[in-house]
Each structure stands twice: as C-alpha cells, then as structure tokens.
C-alpha cells in the first residue's frame, strides 16, 4: 500500500469511529458553553482564549481514541498485513489524525473566538495548538496501547501537573502545554511542535520494534 493510500485508509478509519463524532461534538458544545460563560463574566480579548485550556481535553481524548481503537478489537493485525511498513504506517496515522483534527480545532476555536471577541489573529495559534495536542495524545496512546491509562495520564498532566508547574518552575515554558498559557507566543508554538516531533518519533520507534 502506498503512502497516499495508507493516509486515505487511516483517515477513513478515524471518520468511521462513532467516538470521533461524539468527542468532537461534545468538545464543540463544551467550548461554546465555556466561551459564553467567560463572556458573561466579563472576560474578553486575550483572556477569552481561556476556553482553549479546557477544550484541549476533547482533543486529548480524540487522539487517544484514534490511536487505541484498533488494539481493542485486534484490527491492528489486519492493518499490519495490508501495510507492514510500521514507521510509514504510524506516520500515516498521525497525518490522518491531523486531517480530521485541524478543521475540527478550527471550527471549535472560531466559535469560541466569535463569542468571546478574542483577537481573530490568535485563532490560528489556538487551532494549531489543539490539533497538535491531539497528535501528542495519539503518540502517547500508541506507546501505552491502552486508552484509560493514556487518557488518565494526559489529563493529569495537562490539568494538574502542567498548571502547577507553570510560573513556578523555569523549565515549565518548555513543556508541551506551554503554548496554552500564551497562544499568541511563537515560542510556545515552536515548543509544542518540537514535542510533537519527539512524541511521534518515539511512538514510531516503539511501534516498529515491538509486536502488535
């Protein structure tokens, strides 16, 4: 199977999962509700992007679900039969996730920005951050191969450990969630992209070296 066909096949798999639509619709609904709540409390402008820090939970779940769905039913063996080149397959899976996550993140952020009246220029960084967070989550889930530990660990980091470290440790600005605290900072976006490359590389190596 060629690379383009593999990406197309993986994209169809993501789109065939009911959990994909449930997660994205729930995330959009929660994001809109949070944006309305922020506006009602008088938080507009840059602070209006605070909803992104909560919305990222949905994209974490999306990344985990797409990565672990094939392991629960044993479909991964069929996939490997059709596409035995594991590193290329893992890259195709990540590309397929981005194909779904980017427009979903864009719609989610645009709705929130429209409600909170945050700067439209920040929508690009926020959308990219959510989509890349989904990729990091998928990479972690590929390594763990279990959805519950992956979701629990990632949510624990992004909502407990990360916020606790932010502003208290000098290295916190180099952690994966750094951009969520300042979505207009190019440095934060570069940090997230760096973590994506590391996470995808490690997950591809792990996927290549071990049994399905």
Protein backbone atom coordinates (compact mmCIF):
# COMPACT_ATOMS: atom_id res chain seq x y z
CA UNK A 1 0.00 0.00 0.00
CA UNK A 2 1.40 3.38 -0.99
CA UNK A 3 1.76 6.27 1.40
CA UNK A 4 -1.16 8.28 -0.01
CA UNK A 5 -3.44 5.24 0.02
CA UNK A 6 -2.38 4.48 3.58
CA UNK A 7 -3.21 8.03 4.70
CA UNK A 8 -6.58 7.80 2.95
CA UNK A 9 -7.33 4.45 4.58
CA UNK A 10 -6.37 5.72 8.03
CA UNK A 11 -8.47 8.85 7.55
CA UNK A 12 -11.50 6.71 6.69
CA UNK A 13 -10.87 4.68 9.86
CA UNK A 14 -10.87 7.81 12.01
CA UNK A 15 -14.04 9.03 10.34
CA UNK A 16 -15.72 5.64 10.79
CA UNK A 17 -15.37 5.73 14.57
CA UNK A 18 -18.57 6.86 16.34
CA UNK A 19 -16.35 8.08 19.19
CA UNK A 20 -14.77 10.59 16.82
CA UNK A 21 -18.06 12.39 16.20
CA UNK A 22 -19.22 12.11 19.80
CA UNK A 23 -15.95 13.54 21.09
CA UNK A 24 -15.84 16.40 18.60
CA UNK A 25 -19.49 17.37 19.04
CA UNK A 26 -19.17 17.26 22.83
CA UNK A 27 -15.98 19.31 22.64
CA UNK A 28 -17.63 21.92 20.42
CA UNK A 29 -20.61 22.16 22.77
CA UNK A 30 -18.47 22.48 25.88
CA UNK A 31 -16.22 25.03 24.16
CA UNK A 32 -19.19 27.19 23.18
CA UNK A 33 -20.62 26.95 26.72
CA UNK A 34 -17.29 27.95 28.25
CA UNK A 35 -16.92 30.84 25.84
CA UNK A 36 -20.39 32.11 26.77
CA UNK A 37 -19.56 31.75 30.46
CA UNK A 38 -16.32 33.70 30.02
CA UNK A 39 -18.13 36.45 28.16
CA UNK A 40 -20.84 36.64 30.82
CA UNK A 41 -18.17 37.05 33.48
CA UNK A 42 -16.60 39.91 31.53
CA UNK A 43 -13.54 38.03 30.29
CA UNK A 44 -12.94 39.11 26.71
CA UNK A 45 -9.95 39.74 24.47
CA UNK A 46 -6.90 37.57 25.16
CA UNK A 47 -8.43 36.17 28.35
CA UNK A 48 -11.31 34.93 26.22
CA UNK A 49 -8.99 32.25 24.89
CA UNK A 50 -9.03 30.60 28.31
CA UNK A 51 -11.65 28.21 26.98
CA UNK A 52 -8.92 26.56 24.87
CA UNK A 53 -7.21 25.26 28.01
CA UNK A 54 -10.37 23.29 28.81
CA UNK A 55 -11.26 22.42 25.23
CA UNK A 56 -7.95 20.61 24.85
CA UNK A 57 -9.40 17.75 26.91
CA UNK A 58 -11.61 16.80 23.98
CA UNK A 59 -8.68 16.74 21.57
CA UNK A 60 -6.66 14.64 24.01
CA UNK A 61 -9.48 12.10 24.08
CA UNK A 62 -9.72 12.25 20.27
CA UNK A 63 -6.04 11.46 19.88
CA UNK A 64 -6.18 8.58 22.35
CA UNK A 65 -9.31 7.04 20.85
CA UNK A 66 -7.97 7.09 17.30
CA UNK A 67 -4.69 5.51 18.42
CA UNK A 68 -6.10 2.74 20.60
CA UNK A 69 -9.27 1.75 18.72
CA UNK A 70 -7.50 -0.87 16.60
CA UNK A 71 -5.91 -2.58 19.60
CA UNK A 72 -9.16 -3.24 21.47
CA UNK A 73 -10.66 -5.28 18.62
CA UNK A 74 -7.46 -6.74 17.18
CA UNK A 75 -7.87 -4.86 13.91
CA UNK A 76 -4.25 -3.77 14.11
CA UNK A 77 -3.20 -7.21 12.79
CA UNK A 78 -5.28 -6.70 9.63
CA UNK A 79 -3.83 -3.23 9.21
CA UNK A 80 -0.27 -4.52 9.51
CA UNK A 81 -0.99 -7.20 6.93
CA UNK A 82 -2.08 -4.54 4.46
CA UNK A 83 0.68 -2.11 5.45
CA UNK A 84 3.65 -3.94 7.01
CA UNK A 85 5.95 -0.90 6.95
CA UNK A 86 5.31 0.19 10.51
CA UNK A 87 7.03 3.55 10.59
CA UNK A 88 5.27 4.63 7.41
CA UNK A 89 2.00 3.35 8.88
CA UNK A 90 2.48 5.31 12.10
CA UNK A 91 3.19 8.49 10.14
CA UNK A 92 0.09 7.85 8.05
CA UNK A 93 -1.98 7.50 11.22
CA UNK A 94 -0.69 10.84 12.51
CA UNK A 95 -1.35 12.52 9.17
CA UNK A 96 -4.89 11.12 9.15
CA UNK A 97 -5.48 12.43 12.65
CA UNK A 98 -4.32 15.89 11.59
CA UNK A 99 -6.66 15.80 8.59
CA UNK A 100 -9.56 15.38 11.00
CA UNK A 101 -8.24 17.43 13.94
CA UNK A 102 -7.25 20.60 12.08
CA UNK A 103 -10.71 21.51 10.71
CA UNK A 104 -12.35 20.38 13.96
CA UNK A 105 -9.99 22.56 16.00
CA UNK A 106 -10.50 25.49 13.65
CA UNK A 107 -14.29 25.33 13.92
CA UNK A 108 -14.14 24.94 17.69
CA UNK A 109 -11.80 27.90 18.14
CA UNK A 110 -13.66 30.15 15.70
CA UNK A 111 -16.90 29.59 17.60
CA UNK A 112 -15.17 30.44 20.87
CA UNK A 113 -13.42 33.50 19.42
CA UNK A 114 -16.68 34.78 17.93
CA UNK A 115 -18.39 34.53 21.31
CA UNK A 116 -15.60 35.93 23.47
CA UNK A 117 -14.45 38.51 20.91
CA UNK A 118 -10.85 37.41 21.35
CA UNK A 119 -8.40 38.52 18.62
CA UNK A 120 -9.01 36.63 15.38
CA UNK A 121 -5.24 36.52 14.85
CA UNK A 122 -4.96 34.21 17.85
CA UNK A 123 -7.35 31.68 16.27
CA UNK A 124 -4.57 30.23 14.11
CA UNK A 125 -2.27 29.55 17.06
CA UNK A 126 -5.11 28.16 19.15
CA UNK A 127 -6.32 25.85 16.37
CA UNK A 128 -2.80 24.60 15.71
CA UNK A 129 -2.25 24.02 19.42
CA UNK A 130 -5.38 21.87 19.77
CA UNK A 131 -4.61 19.82 16.65
CA UNK A 132 -1.00 19.24 17.73
CA UNK A 133 -2.16 18.30 21.23
CA UNK A 134 -4.30 15.57 19.64
CA UNK A 135 -1.20 14.26 17.86
CA UNK A 136 0.82 14.20 21.09
CA UNK A 137 -2.03 12.32 22.77
CA UNK A 138 -2.16 9.80 19.93
CA UNK A 139 1.60 9.26 20.13
CA UNK A 140 1.43 8.64 23.89
CA UNK A 141 -1.53 6.29 23.41
CA UNK A 142 0.39 4.36 20.76
CA UNK A 143 3.16 3.74 23.26
CA UNK A 144 0.78 2.70 26.06
CA UNK A 145 -1.74 0.92 23.75
CA UNK A 146 -4.47 1.37 26.38
CA UNK A 147 -6.98 4.18 26.36
CA UNK A 148 -7.71 4.53 30.09
CA UNK A 149 -4.08 4.92 31.28
CA UNK A 150 -3.35 7.23 28.35
CA UNK A 151 -6.34 9.50 28.99
CA UNK A 152 -5.77 9.50 32.75
CA UNK A 153 -2.08 10.30 32.43
CA UNK A 154 -2.52 13.01 29.81
CA UNK A 155 -5.42 14.73 31.58
CA UNK A 156 -3.50 14.52 34.84
CA UNK A 157 -0.57 16.28 33.25
CA UNK A 158 -2.47 18.91 31.26
CA UNK A 159 -4.92 19.83 34.02
CA UNK A 160 -2.96 19.20 37.23
CA UNK A 161 0.81 18.88 36.85
CA UNK A 162 1.21 21.37 33.99
CA UNK A 163 -0.75 24.24 35.61
CA UNK A 164 1.01 23.63 38.93
CA UNK A 165 4.42 23.90 37.28
CA UNK A 166 3.51 26.95 35.18
CA UNK A 167 5.00 30.05 36.77
CA UNK A 168 6.73 28.01 39.46
CA UNK A 169 9.45 26.23 37.50
CA UNK A 170 11.81 27.80 34.98
CA UNK A 171 11.56 24.78 32.68
CA UNK A 172 7.74 25.00 32.53
CA UNK A 173 7.93 27.19 29.42
CA UNK A 174 9.44 24.22 27.59
CA UNK A 175 6.69 21.74 28.47
CA UNK A 176 4.02 20.56 25.98
CA UNK A 177 1.24 22.68 27.46
CA UNK A 178 3.31 25.89 27.48
CA UNK A 179 1.53 27.42 24.48
CA UNK A 180 -1.88 27.09 26.13
CA UNK A 181 -0.89 29.82 28.58
CA UNK A 182 0.07 32.27 25.82
CA UNK A 183 -1.41 31.30 22.48
CA UNK A 184 -0.02 34.37 20.75
CA UNK A 185 3.60 33.49 21.50
CA UNK A 186 5.54 31.97 18.62
CA UNK A 187 7.99 30.46 21.09
CA UNK A 188 5.22 28.44 22.71
CA UNK A 189 4.08 27.17 19.32
CA UNK A 190 7.62 26.09 18.48
CA UNK A 191 7.87 24.22 21.78
CA UNK A 192 4.65 22.32 21.08
CA UNK A 193 5.82 21.45 17.57
CA UNK A 194 9.09 20.18 19.00
CA UNK A 195 7.23 17.94 21.43
CA UNK A 196 5.10 16.64 18.56
CA UNK A 197 8.18 15.64 16.61
CA UNK A 198 9.68 13.91 19.65
CA UNK A 199 6.44 12.14 20.58
CA UNK A 200 5.76 10.93 17.03
CA UNK A 201 9.36 9.78 16.66
CA UNK A 202 9.31 7.81 19.91
CA UNK A 203 5.91 6.29 19.12
CA UNK A 204 7.03 5.28 15.63
CA UNK A 205 10.18 3.66 17.05
CA UNK A 206 8.16 1.79 19.69
CA UNK A 207 5.59 0.68 17.13
CA UNK A 208 8.38 -0.55 14.86
CA UNK A 209 10.28 -2.52 17.48
CA UNK A 210 7.57 -4.46 19.30
CA UNK A 211 4.84 -6.93 18.45
CA UNK A 212 1.35 -5.68 17.68
